[in-house]
N, C-alpha and C. Protein backbone atom coordinates (compact mmCIF):
# COMPACT_ATOMS: atom_id res chain seq x y z
N MET A 1 66.52 49.45 28.64
CA MET A 1 66.56 49.58 29.72
C MET A 1 66.74 48.11 30.13
N PRO A 2 68.19 48.57 30.97
CA PRO A 2 69.78 46.34 30.96
C PRO A 2 68.65 45.92 31.92
N SER A 3 68.62 44.80 31.79
CA SER A 3 68.15 44.12 32.35
C SER A 3 69.21 43.41 33.67
N ALA A 4 68.68 43.05 34.62
CA ALA A 4 69.27 43.05 36.04
C ALA A 4 70.14 42.43 35.58
N PRO A 5 71.43 42.08 36.33
CA PRO A 5 72.56 40.66 36.09
C PRO A 5 72.22 40.05 36.41
N LYS A 6 72.57 38.60 36.21
CA LYS A 6 71.82 36.78 36.71
C LYS A 6 72.91 36.74 37.63
N GLU A 7 71.40 36.55 39.08
CA GLU A 7 72.44 36.16 40.18
C GLU A 7 72.91 34.56 39.99
N SER A 8 74.63 34.86 41.06
CA SER A 8 75.04 33.64 40.36
C SER A 8 74.21 32.32 41.86
N THR A 9 74.70 31.14 40.79
CA THR A 9 74.72 30.11 41.37
C THR A 9 75.19 29.11 41.53
N ASN A 10 76.47 29.80 41.58
CA ASN A 10 77.98 29.36 42.90
C ASN A 10 77.87 29.69 43.81
N TRP A 11 79.08 29.03 45.04
CA TRP A 11 78.87 29.13 46.40
C TRP A 11 80.45 28.95 46.22
N THR A 12 80.68 29.92 47.17
CA THR A 12 82.49 29.17 48.21
C THR A 12 81.35 27.76 49.15
N VAL A 13 82.03 27.12 50.01
CA VAL A 13 81.35 26.54 51.33
C VAL A 13 81.48 27.62 52.20
N ALA A 14 82.40 28.07 52.58
CA ALA A 14 82.22 29.73 53.48
C ALA A 14 80.88 30.71 53.07
N GLY A 15 81.10 30.96 51.73
CA GLY A 15 79.96 31.98 51.00
C GLY A 15 78.59 30.66 51.58
N ALA A 16 78.58 29.67 51.01
CA ALA A 16 77.11 28.90 51.33
C ALA A 16 76.99 28.92 53.02
N LYS A 17 77.95 28.71 53.66
CA LYS A 17 77.59 28.77 55.07
C LYS A 17 76.92 30.07 55.96
N ALA A 18 77.32 30.39 55.20
CA ALA A 18 77.53 32.61 55.61
C ALA A 18 76.07 32.61 55.42
N ARG A 19 75.59 32.29 54.50
CA ARG A 19 74.38 32.69 53.84
C ARG A 19 73.47 31.74 53.25
N LEU A 20 73.20 30.87 54.16
CA LEU A 20 72.60 29.53 53.71
C LEU A 20 71.29 29.67 53.39
N SER A 21 70.36 30.90 54.58
CA SER A 21 69.10 31.09 53.59
C SER A 21 68.52 31.20 52.59
N GLU A 22 69.88 32.41 51.81
CA GLU A 22 69.83 32.89 50.91
C GLU A 22 69.55 31.39 49.73
N VAL A 23 71.08 30.71 49.82
CA VAL A 23 70.99 29.28 49.09
C VAL A 23 69.95 28.74 49.01
N ILE A 24 68.96 28.49 50.17
CA ILE A 24 67.98 27.16 49.94
C ILE A 24 67.44 28.65 49.01
N GLU A 25 66.61 29.50 49.67
CA GLU A 25 65.64 30.90 48.81
C GLU A 25 66.13 30.06 47.49
N ARG A 26 66.79 30.28 47.04
CA ARG A 26 68.32 30.56 45.67
C ARG A 26 67.18 29.34 45.11
N ALA A 27 67.92 28.56 45.79
CA ALA A 27 67.26 26.60 44.64
C ALA A 27 66.01 25.77 45.25
N GLN A 28 65.33 27.81 45.73
CA GLN A 28 63.41 27.28 44.95
C GLN A 28 63.37 27.23 43.44
N SER A 29 64.77 27.87 43.47
CA SER A 29 63.96 27.94 41.98
C SER A 29 65.02 27.68 40.39
N SER A 30 66.64 27.82 41.14
CA SER A 30 67.50 27.60 40.47
C SER A 30 68.40 26.18 41.35
N PRO A 31 68.95 25.56 40.50
CA PRO A 31 70.08 25.07 41.47
C PRO A 31 71.44 25.51 41.28
N GLN A 32 71.69 25.51 43.15
CA GLN A 32 72.73 25.81 43.28
C GLN A 32 74.38 25.72 43.78
N THR A 33 75.05 25.08 43.33
CA THR A 33 76.16 24.95 43.21
C THR A 33 77.34 25.61 44.31
N ILE A 34 77.70 24.05 45.51
CA ILE A 34 78.61 24.56 45.88
C ILE A 34 80.02 24.47 45.78
N THR A 35 81.38 25.22 45.41
CA THR A 35 82.12 24.49 45.91
C THR A 35 83.37 24.76 46.69
N ARG A 36 84.13 23.05 46.29
CA ARG A 36 84.96 23.46 47.62
C ARG A 36 86.52 23.33 46.81
N ASN A 37 87.38 23.95 46.99
CA ASN A 37 88.90 24.24 46.59
C ASN A 37 88.12 24.14 45.10
N GLY A 38 87.58 25.39 44.92
CA GLY A 38 87.81 25.75 43.05
C GLY A 38 87.09 24.56 42.67
N LYS A 39 86.95 23.42 43.33
CA LYS A 39 85.85 22.52 42.03
C LYS A 39 84.25 22.46 42.75
N PRO A 40 83.31 22.21 42.36
CA PRO A 40 81.99 22.03 42.36
C PRO A 40 82.06 20.70 42.91
N SER A 41 81.12 20.62 43.74
CA SER A 41 81.10 19.65 45.63
C SER A 41 79.45 18.81 45.68
N VAL A 42 79.04 19.69 45.28
CA VAL A 42 77.41 19.32 45.41
C VAL A 42 76.66 20.21 45.18
N VAL A 43 75.22 20.33 44.94
CA VAL A 43 74.56 20.64 44.47
C VAL A 43 73.55 20.79 45.79
N VAL A 44 72.63 22.16 45.66
CA VAL A 44 71.46 22.14 46.25
C VAL A 44 70.03 22.59 45.72
N VAL A 45 69.46 21.25 45.51
CA VAL A 45 67.47 21.94 44.43
C VAL A 45 66.79 21.78 46.06
N SER A 46 65.59 22.32 45.38
CA SER A 46 64.32 21.96 46.03
C SER A 46 64.05 20.56 46.05
N ALA A 47 63.40 20.52 47.53
CA ALA A 47 62.93 19.07 47.43
C ALA A 47 61.90 18.95 46.59
N GLU A 48 60.62 20.14 45.97
CA GLU A 48 59.86 19.38 44.78
C GLU A 48 60.88 19.05 42.79
N GLU A 49 61.94 19.16 43.14
CA GLU A 49 62.85 19.26 41.78
C GLU A 49 63.53 17.76 41.93
N TRP A 50 63.60 17.71 43.62
CA TRP A 50 64.87 15.94 43.95
C TRP A 50 63.70 15.59 43.78
N GLN A 51 62.30 15.77 44.35
CA GLN A 51 61.66 14.22 44.30
C GLN A 51 61.31 14.11 41.98
N ARG A 52 61.13 15.07 41.47
CA ARG A 52 61.08 15.21 39.88
C ARG A 52 61.87 14.35 39.63
N LYS A 53 63.33 14.45 40.25
CA LYS A 53 63.84 13.85 39.67
C LYS A 53 64.89 12.43 39.83
N THR A 54 64.18 11.67 41.24
CA THR A 54 63.72 10.79 41.43
C THR A 54 62.85 9.72 41.49
N ALA A 55 62.24 10.46 40.90
CA ALA A 55 60.71 9.39 40.39
C ALA A 55 60.98 8.89 39.91
N ARG A 56 60.93 7.33 40.42
CA ARG A 56 61.04 5.46 39.61
C ARG A 56 59.77 6.44 38.15
N LYS A 57 60.18 6.19 37.40
CA LYS A 57 59.67 6.11 36.22
C LYS A 57 59.44 5.21 35.15
N GLY A 58 58.83 4.03 36.53
CA GLY A 58 58.50 2.37 35.52
C GLY A 58 58.73 2.03 36.33
N THR A 59 58.76 0.19 35.93
CA THR A 59 59.68 -1.20 36.82
C THR A 59 60.57 -1.26 35.43
N LEU A 60 61.91 -2.67 36.35
CA LEU A 60 62.38 -2.92 34.85
C LEU A 60 62.32 -3.54 34.15
N ALA A 61 61.13 -4.17 34.56
CA ALA A 61 59.97 -5.10 33.62
C ALA A 61 60.61 -3.99 32.23
N GLU A 62 59.79 -2.95 32.59
CA GLU A 62 58.83 -1.91 31.33
C GLU A 62 60.92 -0.93 30.87
N PHE A 63 61.49 -1.42 31.56
CA PHE A 63 62.58 -0.43 31.28
C PHE A 63 63.36 -0.72 30.14
N LEU A 64 63.81 -3.06 30.35
CA LEU A 64 64.05 -3.96 29.45
C LEU A 64 62.99 -3.89 28.63
N LEU A 65 61.39 -3.84 28.25
CA LEU A 65 61.36 -4.13 27.01
C LEU A 65 60.94 -3.14 26.10
N LYS A 66 61.73 -1.42 26.56
CA LYS A 66 61.89 -0.93 25.55
C LYS A 66 63.00 -0.47 25.55
N SER A 67 64.35 -1.76 25.37
CA SER A 67 65.56 -1.60 25.52
C SER A 67 65.79 -1.48 24.22
N PRO A 68 66.68 -0.71 23.24
CA PRO A 68 66.76 -0.73 22.05
C PRO A 68 67.23 -2.37 21.68
N LEU A 69 68.33 -3.33 22.31
CA LEU A 69 68.50 -4.59 22.59
C LEU A 69 67.39 -5.37 21.78
N ARG A 70 66.58 -5.00 22.27
CA ARG A 70 65.22 -6.50 22.50
C ARG A 70 64.86 -6.70 21.26
N GLY A 71 64.78 -8.21 20.86
CA GLY A 71 64.61 -8.48 19.72
C GLY A 71 66.47 -8.71 18.81
N ALA A 72 67.42 -8.20 19.19
CA ALA A 72 68.70 -8.07 18.65
C ALA A 72 68.21 -9.73 19.05
N ASP A 73 69.80 -9.93 18.32
CA ASP A 73 69.87 -11.40 18.19
C ASP A 73 70.91 -11.83 18.94
N LEU A 74 71.19 -11.65 19.64
CA LEU A 74 72.76 -11.81 20.28
C LEU A 74 72.75 -13.03 20.95
N THR A 75 74.33 -12.97 20.71
CA THR A 75 75.18 -14.74 20.99
C THR A 75 75.69 -14.24 22.30
N LEU A 76 74.80 -14.36 23.70
CA LEU A 76 76.09 -14.34 24.92
C LEU A 76 77.11 -15.99 25.17
N GLY A 77 78.07 -15.79 25.58
CA GLY A 77 78.70 -16.53 25.92
C GLY A 77 78.82 -16.64 27.83
N ARG A 78 79.53 -17.46 28.10
CA ARG A 78 78.93 -17.90 29.53
C ARG A 78 80.52 -18.49 30.37
N GLN A 79 81.08 -17.81 30.63
CA GLN A 79 82.41 -18.90 31.38
C GLN A 79 82.21 -20.03 32.41
N ARG A 80 82.61 -20.91 32.51
CA ARG A 80 82.46 -22.99 32.39
C ARG A 80 83.81 -22.62 33.86
N ASP A 81 84.06 -20.83 34.46
CA ASP A 81 85.01 -21.68 35.69
C ASP A 81 84.88 -22.73 36.50
N GLU A 82 85.89 -23.15 37.25
CA GLU A 82 85.82 -23.82 37.90
C GLU A 82 85.55 -22.70 40.01
N PRO A 83 84.48 -23.14 40.50
CA PRO A 83 84.96 -22.40 41.61
C PRO A 83 85.99 -22.58 42.59
N CYS A 84 86.30 -21.44 43.04
CA CYS A 84 87.77 -21.63 43.88
C CYS A 84 87.09 -21.60 45.14
N ASP A 85 88.05 -21.46 46.55
CA ASP A 85 88.33 -20.87 47.69
C ASP A 85 88.62 -19.83 47.95
N LEU A 86 87.60 -18.40 48.97
CA LEU A 86 88.22 -17.35 48.50
C LEU A 86 88.08 -17.17 50.43
N PRO A 87 89.62 -16.05 50.39
CA PRO A 87 90.27 -16.38 51.45
C PRO A 87 89.32 -15.15 52.64
N LEU A 88 88.95 -15.72 53.67
CA LEU A 88 87.74 -15.09 54.94
C LEU A 88 88.59 -13.78 55.25
């Protein structure tokens, strides 16, 4: 038995506007790309996916402690330029 054709995840702006409910429904299971002038413009994802992708995964301190450069003996220079007046 042949498998069903895979539903497209790409939409034109006009197609997405005309079938917004379908775009939203499909976004519940996989990201939907909306193109403008033939180029990807935005991706619609479920709220659950968005929360998962944007959730904080620790503190800045934890991130820095896990850095592969931690413990590397780096010598960093600092410029000692004189301050200058900036136009307002």
